[in-house]
N, C-alpha and C. Protein backbone atom coordinates (compact mmCIF):
# COMPACT_ATOMS: atom_id res chain seq x y z
N UNK A 1 -11.77 27.42 -1.52
CA UNK A 1 -12.53 28.63 -1.74
C UNK A 1 -13.97 28.44 -1.30
N UNK A 2 -14.52 27.25 -1.46
CA UNK A 2 -15.91 27.03 -1.09
C UNK A 2 -16.10 27.10 0.41
N UNK A 3 -15.06 26.77 1.18
CA UNK A 3 -15.19 26.82 2.64
C UNK A 3 -15.34 28.25 3.12
N UNK A 4 -14.76 29.22 2.42
CA UNK A 4 -14.87 30.62 2.83
C UNK A 4 -16.30 31.12 2.66
N UNK A 5 -17.01 30.62 1.70
CA UNK A 5 -18.39 31.04 1.46
C UNK A 5 -19.34 30.34 2.42
N UNK A 6 -18.95 29.19 2.92
CA UNK A 6 -19.81 28.45 3.82
C UNK A 6 -20.40 27.20 3.21
N UNK A 7 -20.02 26.91 1.98
CA UNK A 7 -20.48 25.69 1.33
C UNK A 7 -19.61 24.52 1.75
N UNK A 8 -20.19 23.33 1.82
CA UNK A 8 -19.37 22.17 2.19
C UNK A 8 -18.38 21.82 1.09
N UNK A 9 -17.23 21.37 1.49
CA UNK A 9 -16.20 20.94 0.56
C UNK A 9 -16.68 19.66 -0.12
N UNK A 10 -16.78 19.64 -1.45
CA UNK A 10 -17.31 18.45 -2.14
C UNK A 10 -16.48 17.19 -1.90
N UNK A 11 -15.16 17.32 -1.73
CA UNK A 11 -14.33 16.13 -1.49
C UNK A 11 -14.65 15.51 -0.13
N UNK A 12 -14.85 16.34 0.89
CA UNK A 12 -15.19 15.81 2.22
C UNK A 12 -16.59 15.22 2.23
N UNK A 13 -17.52 15.84 1.52
CA UNK A 13 -18.88 15.33 1.48
C UNK A 13 -18.91 13.97 0.78
N UNK A 14 -18.16 13.84 -0.32
CA UNK A 14 -18.11 12.57 -1.04
C UNK A 14 -17.48 11.48 -0.17
N UNK A 15 -16.43 11.79 0.56
CA UNK A 15 -15.79 10.82 1.44
C UNK A 15 -16.74 10.41 2.56
N UNK A 16 -17.49 11.37 3.12
CA UNK A 16 -18.44 11.04 4.19
C UNK A 16 -19.56 10.15 3.66
N UNK A 17 -20.04 10.43 2.46
CA UNK A 17 -21.08 9.60 1.87
C UNK A 17 -20.57 8.20 1.57
N UNK A 18 -19.34 8.09 1.10
CA UNK A 18 -18.76 6.79 0.82
C UNK A 18 -18.58 5.99 2.12
N UNK A 19 -18.13 6.66 3.18
CA UNK A 19 -17.97 5.98 4.47
C UNK A 19 -19.31 5.48 4.99
N UNK A 20 -20.33 6.31 4.90
CA UNK A 20 -21.66 5.94 5.38
C UNK A 20 -22.25 4.79 4.57
N UNK A 21 -22.19 4.87 3.25
CA UNK A 21 -22.74 3.80 2.40
C UNK A 21 -21.98 2.50 2.61
N UNK A 22 -20.67 2.57 2.70
CA UNK A 22 -19.87 1.37 2.92
C UNK A 22 -20.17 0.73 4.26
N UNK A 23 -20.28 1.54 5.31
CA UNK A 23 -20.56 1.01 6.64
C UNK A 23 -21.96 0.37 6.69
N UNK A 24 -22.93 0.98 6.03
CA UNK A 24 -24.28 0.41 6.01
C UNK A 24 -24.28 -0.92 5.25
N UNK A 25 -23.61 -0.97 4.11
CA UNK A 25 -23.56 -2.21 3.32
C UNK A 25 -22.85 -3.32 4.10
N UNK A 26 -21.72 -3.02 4.73
CA UNK A 26 -20.99 -4.02 5.49
C UNK A 26 -21.79 -4.48 6.71
N UNK A 27 -22.52 -3.57 7.33
CA UNK A 27 -23.38 -3.95 8.46
C UNK A 27 -24.50 -4.87 8.02
N UNK A 28 -25.09 -4.58 6.87
CA UNK A 28 -26.17 -5.43 6.36
C UNK A 28 -25.66 -6.84 6.03
N UNK A 29 -24.48 -6.92 5.45
CA UNK A 29 -23.91 -8.25 5.14
C UNK A 29 -23.61 -8.99 6.43
N UNK A 30 -23.09 -8.29 7.43
CA UNK A 30 -22.81 -8.94 8.72
C UNK A 30 -24.10 -9.47 9.34
N UNK A 31 -25.18 -8.70 9.26
CA UNK A 31 -26.47 -9.17 9.78
C UNK A 31 -26.96 -10.40 9.01
N UNK A 32 -26.71 -10.44 7.72
CA UNK A 32 -27.08 -11.60 6.92
C UNK A 32 -26.33 -12.84 7.37
N UNK A 33 -25.07 -12.68 7.76
CA UNK A 33 -24.30 -13.85 8.21
C UNK A 33 -24.85 -14.44 9.50
N UNK A 34 -25.62 -13.67 10.24
CA UNK A 34 -26.19 -14.18 11.49
C UNK A 34 -27.29 -15.21 11.25
N UNK A 35 -28.00 -15.10 10.14
CA UNK A 35 -29.10 -16.02 9.89
C UNK A 35 -28.72 -17.19 8.99
N UNK A 36 -27.59 -17.09 8.31
CA UNK A 36 -27.16 -18.17 7.43
C UNK A 36 -26.47 -19.28 8.23
N UNK A 37 -26.51 -20.51 7.73
CA UNK A 37 -25.76 -21.59 8.39
C UNK A 37 -24.26 -21.32 8.26
N UNK A 38 -23.56 -21.36 9.39
CA UNK A 38 -22.15 -20.99 9.40
C UNK A 38 -21.22 -22.19 9.51
N UNK A 39 -21.58 -23.17 10.34
CA UNK A 39 -20.70 -24.31 10.57
C UNK A 39 -21.50 -25.59 10.66
N UNK A 40 -20.83 -26.68 10.35
CA UNK A 40 -21.41 -28.01 10.55
C UNK A 40 -20.34 -28.87 11.19
N UNK A 41 -20.73 -29.62 12.18
CA UNK A 41 -19.80 -30.50 12.85
C UNK A 41 -20.49 -31.82 13.17
N UNK A 42 -19.78 -32.92 13.00
CA UNK A 42 -20.32 -34.24 13.29
C UNK A 42 -19.91 -34.63 14.70
N UNK A 43 -20.90 -34.74 15.60
CA UNK A 43 -20.64 -35.21 16.96
C UNK A 43 -20.92 -36.71 17.06
N UNK A 44 -21.96 -37.13 16.36
CA UNK A 44 -22.36 -38.53 16.35
C UNK A 44 -22.67 -38.91 14.91
N UNK A 45 -21.96 -39.85 14.36
CA UNK A 45 -22.11 -40.19 12.94
C UNK A 45 -23.50 -40.73 12.61
N UNK A 46 -24.17 -41.32 13.56
CA UNK A 46 -25.51 -41.86 13.28
C UNK A 46 -26.55 -40.76 13.12
N UNK A 47 -26.34 -39.61 13.77
CA UNK A 47 -27.31 -38.51 13.68
C UNK A 47 -26.97 -37.50 12.59
N UNK A 48 -25.79 -37.58 12.01
CA UNK A 48 -25.40 -36.63 10.97
C UNK A 48 -24.81 -35.36 11.57
N UNK A 49 -24.48 -34.40 10.72
CA UNK A 49 -23.84 -33.18 11.21
C UNK A 49 -24.82 -32.24 11.93
N UNK A 50 -24.29 -31.52 12.89
CA UNK A 50 -25.05 -30.48 13.58
C UNK A 50 -24.68 -29.16 12.90
N UNK A 51 -25.68 -28.42 12.46
CA UNK A 51 -25.46 -27.16 11.76
C UNK A 51 -25.74 -26.00 12.71
N UNK A 52 -24.80 -25.07 12.74
CA UNK A 52 -24.92 -23.88 13.61
C UNK A 52 -25.12 -22.65 12.74
N UNK A 53 -26.15 -21.86 13.06
CA UNK A 53 -26.34 -20.58 12.40
C UNK A 53 -25.41 -19.54 13.05
N UNK A 54 -25.24 -18.42 12.36
CA UNK A 54 -24.34 -17.38 12.85
C UNK A 54 -24.73 -16.81 14.20
N UNK A 55 -26.03 -16.62 14.44
CA UNK A 55 -26.45 -16.02 15.71
C UNK A 55 -26.15 -16.96 16.89
N UNK A 56 -26.20 -18.28 16.66
CA UNK A 56 -25.85 -19.21 17.72
C UNK A 56 -24.36 -19.12 18.05
N UNK A 57 -23.55 -18.97 17.02
CA UNK A 57 -22.11 -18.84 17.25
C UNK A 57 -21.77 -17.50 17.91
N UNK A 58 -22.46 -16.44 17.52
CA UNK A 58 -22.21 -15.15 18.14
C UNK A 58 -22.51 -15.19 19.63
N UNK A 59 -23.55 -15.93 20.00
CA UNK A 59 -23.93 -16.01 21.40
C UNK A 59 -23.12 -16.97 22.24
N UNK A 60 -22.50 -17.97 21.59
CA UNK A 60 -21.82 -18.99 22.40
C UNK A 60 -20.35 -19.19 22.08
N UNK A 61 -19.84 -18.66 20.98
CA UNK A 61 -18.46 -18.94 20.59
C UNK A 61 -17.44 -18.20 21.43
N UNK A 62 -17.86 -17.25 22.25
CA UNK A 62 -16.90 -16.57 23.12
C UNK A 62 -16.25 -17.55 24.09
N UNK A 63 -16.91 -18.68 24.32
CA UNK A 63 -16.34 -19.70 25.21
C UNK A 63 -15.04 -20.24 24.62
N UNK A 64 -14.91 -20.24 23.31
CA UNK A 64 -13.70 -20.75 22.66
C UNK A 64 -12.48 -19.88 22.92
N UNK A 65 -12.67 -18.68 23.48
CA UNK A 65 -11.53 -17.85 23.85
C UNK A 65 -10.63 -18.56 24.85
N UNK A 66 -11.23 -19.38 25.70
CA UNK A 66 -10.44 -20.13 26.69
C UNK A 66 -9.52 -21.14 26.02
N UNK A 67 -9.82 -21.53 24.79
CA UNK A 67 -9.00 -22.51 24.07
C UNK A 67 -8.11 -21.86 23.02
N UNK A 68 -8.02 -20.54 23.02
CA UNK A 68 -7.15 -19.84 22.09
C UNK A 68 -7.76 -19.48 20.76
N UNK A 69 -9.05 -19.71 20.58
CA UNK A 69 -9.74 -19.35 19.34
C UNK A 69 -10.22 -17.91 19.47
N UNK A 70 -9.49 -16.97 18.89
CA UNK A 70 -9.76 -15.54 19.07
C UNK A 70 -10.69 -14.97 18.00
N UNK A 71 -11.18 -15.78 17.09
CA UNK A 71 -11.98 -15.25 15.98
C UNK A 71 -13.24 -14.55 16.46
N UNK A 72 -13.79 -14.94 17.60
CA UNK A 72 -14.99 -14.27 18.09
C UNK A 72 -14.72 -12.79 18.37
N UNK A 73 -13.49 -12.46 18.76
CA UNK A 73 -13.14 -11.06 19.04
C UNK A 73 -13.19 -10.17 17.80
N UNK A 74 -13.23 -10.78 16.63
CA UNK A 74 -13.34 -9.98 15.41
C UNK A 74 -14.69 -9.28 15.33
N UNK A 75 -15.72 -9.82 15.99
CA UNK A 75 -17.04 -9.18 15.96
C UNK A 75 -17.05 -7.84 16.68
N UNK A 76 -16.58 -7.75 17.94
CA UNK A 76 -16.52 -6.42 18.56
C UNK A 76 -15.57 -5.47 17.84
N UNK A 77 -14.47 -6.00 17.31
CA UNK A 77 -13.54 -5.14 16.57
C UNK A 77 -14.21 -4.62 15.30
N UNK A 78 -14.98 -5.47 14.63
CA UNK A 78 -15.69 -5.03 13.43
C UNK A 78 -16.74 -3.97 13.78
N UNK A 79 -17.44 -4.17 14.88
CA UNK A 79 -18.44 -3.17 15.30
C UNK A 79 -17.77 -1.82 15.57
N UNK A 80 -16.58 -1.86 16.18
CA UNK A 80 -15.85 -0.61 16.42
C UNK A 80 -15.50 0.07 15.09
N UNK A 81 -15.04 -0.72 14.12
CA UNK A 81 -14.69 -0.15 12.82
C UNK A 81 -15.91 0.46 12.15
N UNK A 82 -17.03 -0.24 12.17
CA UNK A 82 -18.24 0.27 11.52
C UNK A 82 -18.75 1.54 12.20
N UNK A 83 -18.73 1.56 13.53
CA UNK A 83 -19.16 2.77 14.25
C UNK A 83 -18.20 3.92 13.99
N UNK A 84 -16.90 3.63 13.95
CA UNK A 84 -15.94 4.70 13.71
C UNK A 84 -16.02 5.25 12.29
N UNK A 85 -16.55 4.45 11.36
CA UNK A 85 -16.79 4.99 10.02
C UNK A 85 -17.97 5.95 10.03
N UNK A 86 -18.95 5.69 10.90
CA UNK A 86 -20.10 6.59 11.05
C UNK A 86 -19.70 7.87 11.77
N UNK A 87 -18.94 7.75 12.84
CA UNK A 87 -18.64 8.87 13.74
C UNK A 87 -17.25 9.40 13.41
N UNK A 88 -17.19 10.54 12.83
CA UNK A 88 -15.92 11.12 12.38
C UNK A 88 -14.97 11.46 13.53
N UNK A 89 -15.43 11.98 14.70
CA UNK A 89 -14.48 12.37 15.74
C UNK A 89 -13.63 11.24 16.32
N UNK A 90 -14.01 9.99 16.06
CA UNK A 90 -13.21 8.87 16.57
C UNK A 90 -11.81 8.95 15.99
N UNK A 91 -11.70 9.32 14.75
CA UNK A 91 -10.39 9.49 14.13
C UNK A 91 -10.04 8.36 13.20
N UNK A 92 -9.31 8.73 12.16
CA UNK A 92 -8.92 7.74 11.16
C UNK A 92 -7.91 6.75 11.70
N UNK A 93 -7.03 7.20 12.57
CA UNK A 93 -6.03 6.29 13.12
C UNK A 93 -6.70 5.20 13.95
N UNK A 94 -7.69 5.57 14.74
CA UNK A 94 -8.40 4.58 15.55
C UNK A 94 -9.15 3.59 14.66
N UNK A 95 -9.69 4.07 13.55
CA UNK A 95 -10.37 3.18 12.61
C UNK A 95 -9.40 2.18 12.01
N UNK A 96 -8.21 2.64 11.64
CA UNK A 96 -7.21 1.72 11.09
C UNK A 96 -6.73 0.71 12.14
N UNK A 97 -6.58 1.14 13.38
CA UNK A 97 -6.19 0.21 14.45
C UNK A 97 -7.28 -0.84 14.66
N UNK A 98 -8.55 -0.41 14.60
CA UNK A 98 -9.65 -1.37 14.71
C UNK A 98 -9.67 -2.37 13.56
N UNK A 99 -9.32 -1.91 12.36
CA UNK A 99 -9.26 -2.80 11.21
C UNK A 99 -8.14 -3.83 11.38
N UNK A 100 -7.01 -3.40 11.90
CA UNK A 100 -5.90 -4.33 12.16
C UNK A 100 -6.31 -5.34 13.22
N UNK A 101 -7.01 -4.88 14.26
CA UNK A 101 -7.47 -5.80 15.32
C UNK A 101 -8.47 -6.81 14.76
N UNK A 102 -9.32 -6.39 13.83
CA UNK A 102 -10.28 -7.31 13.21
C UNK A 102 -9.56 -8.43 12.47
N UNK A 103 -8.59 -8.07 11.67
CA UNK A 103 -7.85 -9.08 10.91
C UNK A 103 -7.01 -9.96 11.84
N UNK A 104 -6.38 -9.36 12.85
CA UNK A 104 -5.56 -10.13 13.78
C UNK A 104 -6.39 -11.15 14.55
N UNK A 105 -7.61 -10.78 14.92
CA UNK A 105 -8.47 -11.71 15.65
C UNK A 105 -8.94 -12.85 14.76
N UNK A 106 -8.98 -12.63 13.46
CA UNK A 106 -9.47 -13.65 12.54
C UNK A 106 -8.40 -14.63 12.07
N UNK A 107 -7.16 -14.45 12.47
CA UNK A 107 -6.09 -15.33 12.00
C UNK A 107 -6.39 -16.81 12.26
N UNK A 108 -6.87 -17.20 13.46
CA UNK A 108 -7.20 -18.62 13.64
C UNK A 108 -8.33 -19.09 12.71
N UNK A 109 -9.27 -18.21 12.38
CA UNK A 109 -10.36 -18.58 11.49
C UNK A 109 -9.87 -18.75 10.06
N UNK A 110 -8.90 -17.96 9.66
CA UNK A 110 -8.32 -18.11 8.32
C UNK A 110 -7.61 -19.46 8.23
N UNK A 111 -6.92 -19.84 9.30
CA UNK A 111 -6.28 -21.15 9.33
C UNK A 111 -7.32 -22.27 9.25
N UNK A 112 -8.44 -22.10 9.92
CA UNK A 112 -9.52 -23.08 9.85
C UNK A 112 -10.07 -23.17 8.42
N UNK A 113 -10.19 -22.04 7.75
CA UNK A 113 -10.73 -22.03 6.39
C UNK A 113 -9.78 -22.72 5.41
N UNK A 114 -8.49 -22.56 5.64
CA UNK A 114 -7.51 -23.14 4.72
C UNK A 114 -7.32 -24.63 4.95
N UNK A 115 -7.29 -25.05 6.24
CA UNK A 115 -7.02 -26.46 6.56
C UNK A 115 -8.01 -27.00 7.58
N UNK A 116 -9.29 -27.17 7.22
CA UNK A 116 -10.27 -27.62 8.21
C UNK A 116 -10.04 -29.04 8.71
N UNK A 117 -9.65 -29.94 7.83
CA UNK A 117 -9.46 -31.33 8.25
C UNK A 117 -8.24 -31.47 9.16
N UNK A 118 -7.21 -30.68 8.91
CA UNK A 118 -6.01 -30.74 9.73
C UNK A 118 -6.30 -30.28 11.16
N UNK A 119 -7.11 -29.24 11.28
CA UNK A 119 -7.40 -28.69 12.60
C UNK A 119 -8.42 -29.51 13.38
N UNK A 120 -9.19 -30.34 12.70
CA UNK A 120 -10.22 -31.10 13.39
C UNK A 120 -11.41 -30.25 13.78
N UNK A 121 -11.55 -29.11 13.19
CA UNK A 121 -12.64 -28.19 13.50
C UNK A 121 -13.83 -28.50 12.62
N UNK A 122 -14.95 -27.85 12.88
CA UNK A 122 -16.12 -28.07 12.02
C UNK A 122 -15.91 -27.50 10.62
N UNK A 123 -16.79 -27.89 9.73
CA UNK A 123 -16.73 -27.43 8.35
C UNK A 123 -17.39 -26.07 8.23
N UNK A 124 -16.75 -25.13 7.54
CA UNK A 124 -17.34 -23.82 7.32
C UNK A 124 -18.39 -23.91 6.23
N UNK A 125 -19.53 -23.27 6.47
CA UNK A 125 -20.61 -23.21 5.48
C UNK A 125 -20.70 -21.78 4.95
N UNK A 126 -21.71 -21.49 4.18
CA UNK A 126 -21.84 -20.21 3.49
C UNK A 126 -21.79 -19.01 4.45
N UNK A 127 -22.42 -19.13 5.61
CA UNK A 127 -22.40 -18.02 6.57
C UNK A 127 -21.01 -17.75 7.11
N UNK A 128 -20.24 -18.80 7.35
CA UNK A 128 -18.87 -18.63 7.83
C UNK A 128 -17.97 -18.00 6.79
N UNK A 129 -18.12 -18.45 5.53
CA UNK A 129 -17.31 -17.87 4.46
C UNK A 129 -17.69 -16.41 4.22
N UNK A 130 -18.99 -16.10 4.27
CA UNK A 130 -19.43 -14.73 4.06
C UNK A 130 -18.96 -13.83 5.21
N UNK A 131 -18.97 -14.35 6.44
CA UNK A 131 -18.49 -13.59 7.60
C UNK A 131 -17.00 -13.28 7.43
N UNK A 132 -16.25 -14.27 7.02
CA UNK A 132 -14.81 -14.08 6.82
C UNK A 132 -14.55 -13.05 5.74
N UNK A 133 -15.23 -13.16 4.61
CA UNK A 133 -15.04 -12.21 3.51
C UNK A 133 -15.50 -10.81 3.89
N UNK A 134 -16.59 -10.71 4.63
CA UNK A 134 -17.11 -9.41 5.04
C UNK A 134 -16.13 -8.71 5.98
N UNK A 135 -15.56 -9.44 6.92
CA UNK A 135 -14.61 -8.82 7.85
C UNK A 135 -13.35 -8.37 7.13
N UNK A 136 -12.86 -9.18 6.20
CA UNK A 136 -11.68 -8.76 5.43
C UNK A 136 -12.00 -7.56 4.55
N UNK A 137 -13.19 -7.54 3.96
CA UNK A 137 -13.61 -6.39 3.14
C UNK A 137 -13.76 -5.14 3.99
N UNK A 138 -14.29 -5.29 5.20
CA UNK A 138 -14.45 -4.13 6.09
C UNK A 138 -13.09 -3.55 6.48
N UNK A 139 -12.13 -4.42 6.75
CA UNK A 139 -10.79 -3.94 7.10
C UNK A 139 -10.16 -3.22 5.90
N UNK A 140 -10.28 -3.80 4.73
CA UNK A 140 -9.75 -3.15 3.54
C UNK A 140 -10.44 -1.83 3.25
N UNK A 141 -11.75 -1.79 3.38
CA UNK A 141 -12.51 -0.56 3.16
C UNK A 141 -12.10 0.52 4.15
N UNK A 142 -11.89 0.13 5.41
CA UNK A 142 -11.49 1.10 6.42
C UNK A 142 -10.14 1.72 6.07
N UNK A 143 -9.22 0.92 5.56
CA UNK A 143 -7.92 1.46 5.17
C UNK A 143 -8.03 2.38 3.95
N UNK A 144 -8.91 2.04 3.02
CA UNK A 144 -9.04 2.86 1.80
C UNK A 144 -9.64 4.22 2.12
N UNK A 145 -10.70 4.26 2.92
CA UNK A 145 -11.36 5.55 3.16
C UNK A 145 -10.65 6.39 4.21
N UNK A 146 -9.76 5.81 4.99
CA UNK A 146 -9.04 6.59 5.99
C UNK A 146 -7.60 6.86 5.59
N UNK A 147 -7.24 6.52 4.36
CA UNK A 147 -5.87 6.76 3.91
C UNK A 147 -5.58 8.26 3.91
N UNK A 148 -4.41 8.62 4.38
CA UNK A 148 -4.06 10.05 4.38
C UNK A 148 -4.00 10.58 2.95
N UNK A 149 -4.57 11.75 2.78
CA UNK A 149 -4.54 12.37 1.48
C UNK A 149 -3.67 13.63 1.58
N UNK A 150 -2.99 13.87 0.53
CA UNK A 150 -2.14 15.05 0.52
C UNK A 150 -1.01 14.87 -0.48
N UNK A 151 -0.19 15.88 -0.54
CA UNK A 151 0.91 15.82 -1.49
C UNK A 151 2.06 15.01 -0.91
N UNK A 152 2.74 14.35 -1.77
CA UNK A 152 3.92 13.57 -1.40
C UNK A 152 5.13 14.37 -1.82
N UNK A 153 6.00 14.63 -0.86
CA UNK A 153 7.20 15.41 -1.17
C UNK A 153 8.37 14.46 -1.39
N UNK A 154 9.08 14.68 -2.46
CA UNK A 154 10.22 13.82 -2.79
C UNK A 154 11.49 14.30 -2.12
């Protein structure tokens, strides 16, 4: 009834505000992961571990794609999800596909998090764990806010 008068539908306005606030919060956390130490790896035992911040990994980890490490691709997929939460015409289906792509790209990173010594990879630090949690939260959030609403017919 409110649409006939020209007033915005409160349910759509609330969903748009939730999408916007969630996307801003997830973007801010992702930016925080860029400055935090993400990984440590020992190349030479006499010098100790080399610590990599998130921005260094964002700029150079794409090289690992040649070795089958697809986790770097989660960053562009996450950016697509965050932008699609801002821009409504992209569509909810595209947002959900982007969320699936984000999680699929992170599968090797989840394996690294569970078994770092087995893989021989560097140790994940706070920035790496926060990046992993943020991407999983973004995928879950995208599914929650884009879930189809309506009546279920039995």
